[in-house]
C-alpha atoms as a PDB file:
ATOM      1  CA  MET A   1     136.203  78.874 119.117  1.00  0.00           C
ATOM      2  CA  SER A   2     137.350  82.484 118.620  1.00  0.00           C
ATOM      3  CA  PRO A   3     138.181  83.879 115.147  1.00  0.00           C
ATOM      4  CA  LEU A   4     141.743  84.571 116.328  1.00  0.00           C
ATOM      5  CA  LEU A   5     142.255  80.939 117.312  1.00  0.00           C
ATOM      6  CA  LEU A   6     140.838  79.786 113.981  1.00  0.00           C
ATOM      7  CA  LEU A   7     143.275  82.102 112.205  1.00  0.00           C
ATOM      8  CA  LEU A   8     146.192  80.676 114.186  1.00  0.00           C
ATOM      9  CA  LEU A   9     145.108  77.121 113.332  1.00  0.00           C
ATOM     10  CA  ALA A  10     144.847  78.015 109.661  1.00  0.00           C
ATOM     11  CA  THR A  11     148.321  79.544 109.721  1.00  0.00           C
ATOM     12  CA  ALA A  12     149.713  76.442 111.401  1.00  0.00           C
ATOM     13  CA  HIS A  13     148.251  74.307 108.626  1.00  0.00           C
ATOM     14  CA  GLY A  14     149.776  76.588 105.969  1.00  0.00           C
ATOM     15  CA  LEU A  15     146.351  77.715 104.755  1.00  0.00           C
ATOM     16  CA  GLU A  16     146.598  80.229 101.924  1.00  0.00           C
ATOM     17  CA  LYS A  17     144.044  83.044 101.794  1.00  0.00           C
ATOM     18  CA  LEU A  18     143.053  83.662  98.180  1.00  0.00           C
ATOM     19  CA  ARG A  19     141.888  87.107  97.156  1.00  0.00           C
ATOM     20  CA  TYR A  20     138.702  85.919  95.553  1.00  0.00           C
ATOM     21  CA  LYS A  21     135.167  86.596  96.752  1.00  0.00           C
ATOM     22  CA  PRO A  22     132.363  84.336  95.443  1.00  0.00           C
ATOM     23  CA  ARG A  23     129.542  86.206  93.761  1.00  0.00           C
ATOM     24  CA  LEU A  24     126.148  85.592  92.271  1.00  0.00           C
ATOM     25  CA  ALA A  25     125.862  84.821  88.569  1.00  0.00           C
ATOM     26  CA  ASP A  26     125.015  87.593  86.127  1.00  0.00           C
ATOM     27  CA  GLY A  27     121.629  89.221  86.588  1.00  0.00           C
ATOM     28  CA  ASP A  28     120.484  88.116  83.107  1.00  0.00           C
ATOM     29  CA  LEU A  29     120.364  84.491  84.268  1.00  0.00           C
ATOM     30  CA  GLY A  30     116.798  83.366  85.027  1.00  0.00           C
ATOM     31  CA  GLY A  31     116.176  82.090  88.558  1.00  0.00           C
ATOM     32  CA  ARG A  32     119.410  83.513  89.881  1.00  0.00           C
ATOM     33  CA  VAL A  33     117.815  83.765  93.342  1.00  0.00           C
ATOM     34  CA  THR A  34     114.687  81.816  94.310  1.00  0.00           C
ATOM     35  CA  GLY A  35     112.948  80.916  97.561  1.00  0.00           C
ATOM     36  CA  SER A  36     115.370  78.032  98.294  1.00  0.00           C
ATOM     37  CA  THR A  37     118.307  78.344  95.861  1.00  0.00           C
ATOM     38  CA  PHE A  38     120.813  80.792  94.440  1.00  0.00           C
ATOM     39  CA  VAL A  39     123.292  80.605  91.583  1.00  0.00           C
ATOM     40  CA  LEU A  40     127.007  81.365  91.907  1.00  0.00           C
ATOM     41  CA  GLU A  41     129.695  81.900  89.331  1.00  0.00           C
ATOM     42  CA  GLN A  42     132.151  79.019  89.252  1.00  0.00           C
ATOM     43  CA  PRO A  43     135.609  79.800  90.702  1.00  0.00           C
ATOM     44  CA  ARG A  44     137.443  79.709  87.370  1.00  0.00           C
ATOM     45  CA  CYS A  45     141.198  80.399  87.435  1.00  0.00           C
ATOM     46  CA  VAL A  46     141.199  80.589  91.249  1.00  0.00           C
ATOM     47  CA  PHE A  47     142.655  77.216  92.318  1.00  0.00           C
ATOM     48  CA  GLN A  48     144.963  76.540  89.362  1.00  0.00           C
ATOM     49  CA  ASP A  49     147.937  76.065  91.722  1.00  0.00           C
ATOM     50  CA  TYR A  50     146.181  73.208  93.550  1.00  0.00           C
ATOM     51  CA  SER A  51     145.806  70.531  90.911  1.00  0.00           C
ATOM     52  CA  THR A  52     145.287  67.653  93.364  1.00  0.00           C
ATOM     53  CA  ALA A  53     143.015  69.439  95.811  1.00  0.00           C
ATOM     54  CA  ASP A  54     139.351  68.789  96.508  1.00  0.00           C
ATOM     55  CA  ILE A  55     137.444  72.045  96.276  1.00  0.00           C
ATOM     56  CA  TRP A  56     134.390  72.439  98.510  1.00  0.00           C
ATOM     57  CA  LEU A  57     131.769  75.119  98.901  1.00  0.00           C
ATOM     58  CA  VAL A  58     131.045  76.286 102.437  1.00  0.00           C
ATOM     59  CA  VAL A  59     127.547  77.690 103.066  1.00  0.00           C
ATOM     60  CA  ALA A  60     127.059  79.557 106.327  1.00  0.00           C
ATOM     61  CA  THR A  61     124.706  81.798 108.229  1.00  0.00           C
ATOM     62  CA  SER A  62     126.000  85.094 109.555  1.00  0.00           C
ATOM     63  CA  LYS A  63     126.895  83.300 112.773  1.00  0.00           C
ATOM     64  CA  GLY A  64     128.584  80.506 110.821  1.00  0.00           C
ATOM     65  CA  VAL A  65     131.106  82.906 109.294  1.00  0.00           C
ATOM     66  CA  ALA A  66     132.666  83.301 112.734  1.00  0.00           C
ATOM     67  CA  ASP A  67     132.075  79.726 113.897  1.00  0.00           C
ATOM     68  CA  PHE A  68     133.324  77.786 110.871  1.00  0.00           C
ATOM     69  CA  ASN A  69     136.598  75.915 111.283  1.00  0.00           C
ATOM     70  CA  ASP A  70     138.657  75.607 108.084  1.00  0.00           C
ATOM     71  CA  SER A  71     139.877  72.251 109.369  1.00  0.00           C
ATOM     72  CA  ALA A  72     136.345  70.880 108.909  1.00  0.00           C
ATOM     73  CA  GLN A  73     136.147  67.654 106.944  1.00  0.00           C
ATOM     74  CA  PRO A  74     133.416  66.669 104.464  1.00  0.00           C
ATOM     75  CA  GLY A  75     131.160  64.072 106.033  1.00  0.00           C
ATOM     76  CA  MET A  76     131.533  65.315 109.587  1.00  0.00           C
ATOM     77  CA  PRO A  77     128.064  65.390 111.215  1.00  0.00           C
ATOM     78  CA  GLU A  78     128.792  68.755 112.838  1.00  0.00           C
ATOM     79  CA  TRP A  79     129.193  70.312 109.381  1.00  0.00           C
ATOM     80  CA  SER A  80     126.397  68.442 107.578  1.00  0.00           C
ATOM     81  CA  PHE A  81     123.491  69.886 105.643  1.00  0.00           C
ATOM     82  CA  GLN A  82     120.882  67.943 107.623  1.00  0.00           C
ATOM     83  CA  ARG A  83     121.890  69.746 110.844  1.00  0.00           C
ATOM     84  CA  PHE A  84     121.740  73.186 109.251  1.00  0.00           C
ATOM     85  CA  PRO A  85     120.878  75.711 110.624  1.00  0.00           C
ATOM     86  CA  ALA A  86     119.350  74.377 113.868  1.00  0.00           C
ATOM     87  CA  ASN A  87     122.419  72.492 115.121  1.00  0.00           C
ATOM     88  CA  THR A  88     125.188  73.827 112.917  1.00  0.00           C
ATOM     89  CA  SER A  89     125.694  77.231 111.368  1.00  0.00           C
ATOM     90  CA  ALA A  90     127.642  76.069 108.296  1.00  0.00           C
ATOM     91  CA  TYR A  91     128.014  73.014 106.045  1.00  0.00           C
ATOM     92  CA  LEU A  92     130.185  71.746 103.162  1.00  0.00           C
ATOM     93  CA  THR A  93     128.756  70.796  99.790  1.00  0.00           C
ATOM     94  CA  LEU A  94     129.443  70.623  96.022  1.00  0.00           C
ATOM     95  CA  GLY A  95     132.832  68.940  96.224  1.00  0.00           C
ATOM     96  CA  ALA A  96     134.795  69.234  92.946  1.00  0.00           C
ATOM     97  CA  LEU A  97     138.231  68.820  91.432  1.00  0.00           C
ATOM     98  CA  LEU A  98     140.269  71.383  89.562  1.00  0.00           C
ATOM     99  CA  TYR A  99     139.323  69.986  86.139  1.00  0.00           C
ATOM    100  CA  HIS A 100     135.696  70.907  86.883  1.00  0.00           C
ATOM    101  CA  TYR A 101     136.807  74.540  86.881  1.00  0.00           C
ATOM    102  CA  HIS A 102     138.834  74.778  83.675  1.00  0.00           C
ATOM    103  CA  CYS A 103     140.872  77.927  83.193  1.00  0.00           C
ATOM    104  CA  PRO A 104     140.132  79.891  81.151  1.00  0.00           C
ATOM    105  CA  LYS A 105     136.380  79.450  80.934  1.00  0.00           C
ATOM    106  CA  PRO A 106     135.336  77.688  77.712  1.00  0.00           C
ATOM    107  CA  ASP A 107     133.571  79.978  75.252  1.00  0.00           C
ATOM    108  CA  GLY A 108     129.799  79.635  75.226  1.00  0.00           C
ATOM    109  CA  GLU A 109     129.720  77.387  78.301  1.00  0.00           C
ATOM    110  CA  LEU A 110     127.419  78.200  81.219  1.00  0.00           C
ATOM    111  CA  THR A 111     129.764  78.027  84.201  1.00  0.00           C
ATOM    112  CA  VAL A 112     127.610  78.386  87.283  1.00  0.00           C
ATOM    113  CA  LEU A 113     126.785  76.503  90.491  1.00  0.00           C
ATOM    114  CA  ARG A 114     123.216  76.308  91.795  1.00  0.00           C
ATOM    115  CA  VAL A 115     123.229  76.062  95.569  1.00  0.00           C
ATOM    116  CA  GLY A 116     120.213  74.220  97.035  1.00  0.00           C
ATOM    117  CA  SER A 117     119.180  72.231  93.960  1.00  0.00           C
ATOM    118  CA  GLU A 118     119.082  68.669  95.393  1.00  0.00           C
ATOM    119  CA  THR A 119     115.867  67.540  97.084  1.00  0.00           C
ATOM    120  CA  SER A 120     116.397  63.756  97.140  1.00  0.00           C
ATOM    121  CA  CYS A 121     119.085  63.815  99.836  1.00  0.00           C
ATOM    122  CA  ALA A 122     117.745  66.606 102.031  1.00  0.00           C
ATOM    123  CA  ASN A 123     116.666  64.202 104.801  1.00  0.00           C
ATOM    124  CA  ASN A 124     119.232  61.488 104.156  1.00  0.00           C
ATOM    125  CA  VAL A 125     121.877  61.652 106.882  1.00  0.00           C
ATOM    126  CA  SER A 126     124.068  59.251 104.924  1.00  0.00           C
ATOM    127  CA  VAL A 127     124.696  62.121 102.470  1.00  0.00           C
ATOM    128  CA  PRO A 128     125.936  64.863 104.812  1.00  0.00           C
ATOM    129  CA  ASN A 129     127.339  66.915 101.928  1.00  0.00           C
ATOM    130  CA  CYS A 130     123.898  67.175 100.283  1.00  0.00           C
ATOM    131  CA  ASN A 131     123.277  70.288  98.215  1.00  0.00           C
ATOM    132  CA  GLY A 132     119.761  70.507  99.605  1.00  0.00           C
ATOM    133  CA  PRO A 133     117.212  73.342  99.443  1.00  0.00           C
ATOM    134  CA  LEU A 134     118.076  76.194 101.757  1.00  0.00           C
ATOM    135  CA  PRO A 135     115.720  76.250 104.757  1.00  0.00           C
ATOM    136  CA  GLY A 136     114.945  79.961 104.922  1.00  0.00           C
ATOM    137  CA  PRO A 137     115.545  83.383 103.376  1.00  0.00           C
ATOM    138  CA  GLY A 138     118.917  83.798 105.063  1.00  0.00           C
ATOM    139  CA  PRO A 139     121.014  85.821 104.640  1.00  0.00           C
ATOM    140  CA  TYR A 140     123.745  83.342 103.699  1.00  0.00           C
ATOM    141  CA  ARG A 141     127.418  83.737 102.917  1.00  0.00           C
ATOM    142  CA  VAL A 142     129.650  81.309 101.038  1.00  0.00           C
ATOM    143  CA  LYS A 143     133.290  80.625 100.328  1.00  0.00           C
ATOM    144  CA  PHE A 144     135.409  77.937  98.648  1.00  0.00           C
ATOM    145  CA  LEU A 145     137.800  75.720 100.592  1.00  0.00           C
ATOM    146  CA  ALA A 146     140.541  73.539  99.046  1.00  0.00           C
ATOM    147  CA  LEU A 147     141.574  70.390 100.907  1.00  0.00           C
ATOM    148  CA  ASN A 148     144.583  68.187 100.263  1.00  0.00           C
ATOM    149  CA  GLY A 149     143.303  65.009 101.838  1.00  0.00           C
ATOM    150  CA  SER A 150     142.302  66.145 105.315  1.00  0.00           C
ATOM    151  CA  GLU A 151     144.492  69.254 105.292  1.00  0.00           C
ATOM    152  CA  PRO A 152     143.047  72.653 104.317  1.00  0.00           C
ATOM    153  CA  ILE A 153     145.469  74.362 101.936  1.00  0.00           C
ATOM    154  CA  ALA A 154     143.604  77.317 100.451  1.00  0.00           C
ATOM    155  CA  THR A 155     140.429  79.284 101.001  1.00  0.00           C
ATOM    156  CA  THR A 156     138.706  82.238  99.409  1.00  0.00           C
ATOM    157  CA  GLU A 157     137.078  85.198 101.119  1.00  0.00           C
ATOM    158  CA  TRP A 158     133.469  85.053 102.239  1.00  0.00           C
ATOM    159  CA  SER A 159     130.903  86.369  99.804  1.00  0.00           C
ATOM    160  CA  LYS A 160     128.597  89.260 100.486  1.00  0.00           C
ATOM    161  CA  PRO A 161     125.328  88.308 102.256  1.00  0.00           C
ATOM    162  CA  ILE A 162     122.833  86.586  99.940  1.00  0.00           C
ATOM    163  CA  THR A 163     119.136  86.817 100.805  1.00  0.00           C
ATOM    164  CA  LEU A 164     116.592  84.553  99.133  1.00  0.00           C
ATOM    165  CA  ARG A 165     113.219  85.617  97.780  1.00  0.00           C
ATOM    166  CA  THR A 166     110.110  85.475  99.957  1.00  0.00           C
ATOM    167  CA  ALA A 167     106.428  85.642  99.030  1.00  0.00           C
ATOM    168  CA  GLN A 168     104.998  89.143  99.504  1.00  0.00           C
ATOM    169  CA  GLN A 169     101.518  90.644  99.501  1.00  0.00           C
ATOM    170  CA  PRO A 170     100.761  93.012  96.581  1.00  0.00           C
ATOM    171  CA  PRO A 171     101.503  96.594  97.676  1.00  0.00           C
ATOM    172  CA  SER A 172      98.506  98.807  98.385  1.00  0.00           C
ATOM    173  CA  SER A 173      98.174 102.388  99.535  1.00  0.00           C
ATOM    174  CA  PRO A 174      96.441 103.156 102.866  1.00  0.00           C
ATOM    175  CA  GLY A 175      92.662 103.326 102.508  1.00  0.00           C
ATOM    176  CA  SER A 176      92.684 102.029  98.941  1.00  0.00           C
ATOM    177  CA  GLY A 177      90.771  98.907  99.940  1.00  0.00           C
ATOM    178  CA  SER A 178      87.834 100.748 101.545  1.00  0.00           C
ATOM    179  CA  GLY A 179      87.666 103.304  98.726  1.00  0.00           C
ATOM    180  CA  ARG A 180      87.605 100.539  96.139  1.00  0.00           C
ATOM    181  CA  SER A 181      84.824  98.723  98.046  1.00  0.00           C
ATOM    182  CA  GLY A 182      82.696 101.886  98.265  1.00  0.00           C
ATOM    183  CA  ALA A 183      83.043 102.515  94.548  1.00  0.00           C
ATOM    184  CA  MET A 184      82.019  98.949  93.734  1.00  0.00           C
ATOM    185  CA  ILE A 185      78.895  99.255  95.935  1.00  0.00           C
ATOM    186  CA  ALA A 186      77.903 102.522  94.241  1.00  0.00           C
ATOM    187  CA  ILE A 187      78.348 101.027  90.772  1.00  0.00           C
ATOM    188  CA  ALA A 188      76.292  97.966  91.712  1.00  0.00           C
ATOM    189  CA  ALA A 189      73.470 100.179  93.053  1.00  0.00           C
ATOM    190  CA  ILE A 190      73.388 102.296  89.888  1.00  0.00           C
ATOM    191  CA  LEU A 191      73.288  99.212  87.693  1.00  0.00           C
ATOM    192  CA  SER A 192      70.409  97.777  89.752  1.00  0.00           C
ATOM    193  CA  VAL A 193      68.356 100.992  89.353  1.00  0.00           C
ATOM    194  CA  LEU A 194      69.014 101.110  85.608  1.00  0.00           C
ATOM    195  CA  LEU A 195      67.959  97.486  85.259  1.00  0.00           C
ATOM    196  CA  ALA A 196      64.705  98.159  87.142  1.00  0.00           C
ATOM    197  CA  ILE A 197      63.946 101.163  84.906  1.00  0.00           C
ATOM    198  CA  LEU A 198      64.648  99.125  81.802  1.00  0.00           C
ATOM    199  CA  LEU A 199      62.295  96.353  82.924  1.00  0.00           C
ATOM    200  CA  ALA A 200      59.530  98.866  83.732  1.00  0.00           C
ATOM    201  CA  ALA A 201      59.876 100.489  80.316  1.00  0.00           C
ATOM    202  CA  LEU A 202      59.731  97.105  78.630  1.00  0.00           C
ATOM    203  CA  LEU A 203      56.526  96.151  80.472  1.00  0.00           C
ATOM    204  CA  ALA A 204      54.932  99.491  79.620  1.00  0.00           C
ATOM    205  CA  ALA A 205      55.753  99.013  75.940  1.00  0.00           C
ATOM    206  CA  LEU A 206      54.209  95.551  75.942  1.00  0.00           C
ATOM    207  CA  CYS A 207      50.990  96.736  77.637  1.00  0.00           C
ATOM    208  CA  GLY A 208      50.690  99.669  75.253  1.00  0.00           C
ATOM    209  CA  SER A 209      50.612  97.278  72.312  1.00  0.00           C
ATOM    210  CA  GLU A 210      47.635  95.414  73.958  1.00  0.00           C
ATOM    211  CA  ALA A 211      49.844  92.522  74.748  1.00  0.00           C
ATOM    212  CA  CYS A 212      48.800  92.719  78.378  1.00  0.00           C
ATOM    213  CA  GLY A 213      45.068  91.897  77.536  1.00  0.00           C
ATOM    214  CA  ALA A 214      45.534  89.636  74.575  1.00  0.00           C
ATOM    215  CA  GLY A 215      44.716  86.503  76.482  1.00  0.00           C
ATOM    216  CA  SER A 216      42.186  87.908  79.010  1.00  0.00           C
ATOM    217  CA  PHE A 217      38.508  86.838  79.311  1.00  0.00           C
ATOM    218  CA  ARG A 218      35.909  89.521  78.436  1.00  0.00           C
ATOM    219  CA  PRO A 219      32.366  88.805  79.781  1.00  0.00           C
ATOM    220  CA  ASP A 220      30.543  90.915  77.138  1.00  0.00           C
ATOM    221  CA  ALA A 221      32.100  88.929  74.336  1.00  0.00           C
ATOM    222  CA  ALA A 222      30.889  85.677  75.839  1.00  0.00           C
ATOM    223  CA  SER A 223      27.317  86.772  76.753  1.00  0.00           C
ATOM    224  CA  ILE A 224      24.346  85.524  74.697  1.00  0.00           C
ATOM    225  CA  ARG A 225      21.915  88.108  73.430  1.00  0.00           C
ATOM    226  CA  ARG A 226      18.206  87.356  72.989  1.00  0.00           C
ATOM    227  CA  TYR A 227      16.643  87.842  69.568  1.00  0.00           C
ATOM    228  CA  ASN A 228      13.049  87.360  68.290  1.00  0.00           C
ATOM    229  CA  THR A 229      12.751  85.777  64.922  1.00  0.00           C
ATOM    230  CA  HIS A 230      10.904  87.914  62.305  1.00  0.00           C
ATOM    231  CA  HIS A 231       8.045  85.473  61.709  1.00  0.00           C
ATOM    232  CA  VAL A 232       6.985  85.030  65.325  1.00  0.00           C
ATOM    233  CA  TYR A 233       4.527  87.574  66.812  1.00  0.00           C
ATOM    234  CA  ASP A 234       2.752  87.751  70.085  1.00  0.00           C
ATOM    235  CA  GLN A 235      -0.914  86.776  69.634  1.00  0.00           C
ATOM    236  CA  PRO A 236      -3.679  88.514  71.610  1.00  0.00           C
ATOM    237  CA  ALA A 237      -5.610  86.377  73.987  1.00  0.00           C
ATOM    238  CA  ALA A 238      -8.798  84.861  72.454  1.00  0.00           C
ATOM    239  CA  ARG A 239     -12.079  86.329  73.468  1.00  0.00           C
ATOM    240  CA  LEU A 240     -14.798  84.090  74.599  1.00  0.00           C
END
């Protein structure tokens, strides 16, 4: 369905275009963008003229921005999370009422929406409006849609593209790996030579202190010398 036809359908339904563009929460918030979620500011003081409306968040791929029909109804399989993004380019989630978005924002209250935070319903087709983990880095775009029953009555602008985080290899300069390996080999070789010299010096010191022959067998120390006692003399042979 062409964007022009969608615009004509929206006009026929009396759909009001609100000059509000959803945006990410403040940068000081931890985990504002992760590998499967992102955090939006709540649309405070945006739908105050629609007290009985149901307010839904539409999450779409770049293709879904053009394909999405504002007449979509929550629970329709063609706009369900479980079919996203293989079989549908957009889905509805995080349905709320106006009292969830008090105006003005209460002091000290954290007023954000985490998109992609529910894991329990990600594969459960009976919960088509599941706020399940986003299936890839995106980019994604979002907007809010107000429905009065089955009739769309107001919608915001689409947000800027939102890209999730992806795991990356640590940056390295060209040739740094081979240079680092060569340096490590040289250091290892030098350390091996120094260790050999140290061992040789230690052995030399031990041998110099007669430690090398301390337990050896010396033949001259174990030989038995022959002695004649002082009172025994050789007698001449007797003459006949």
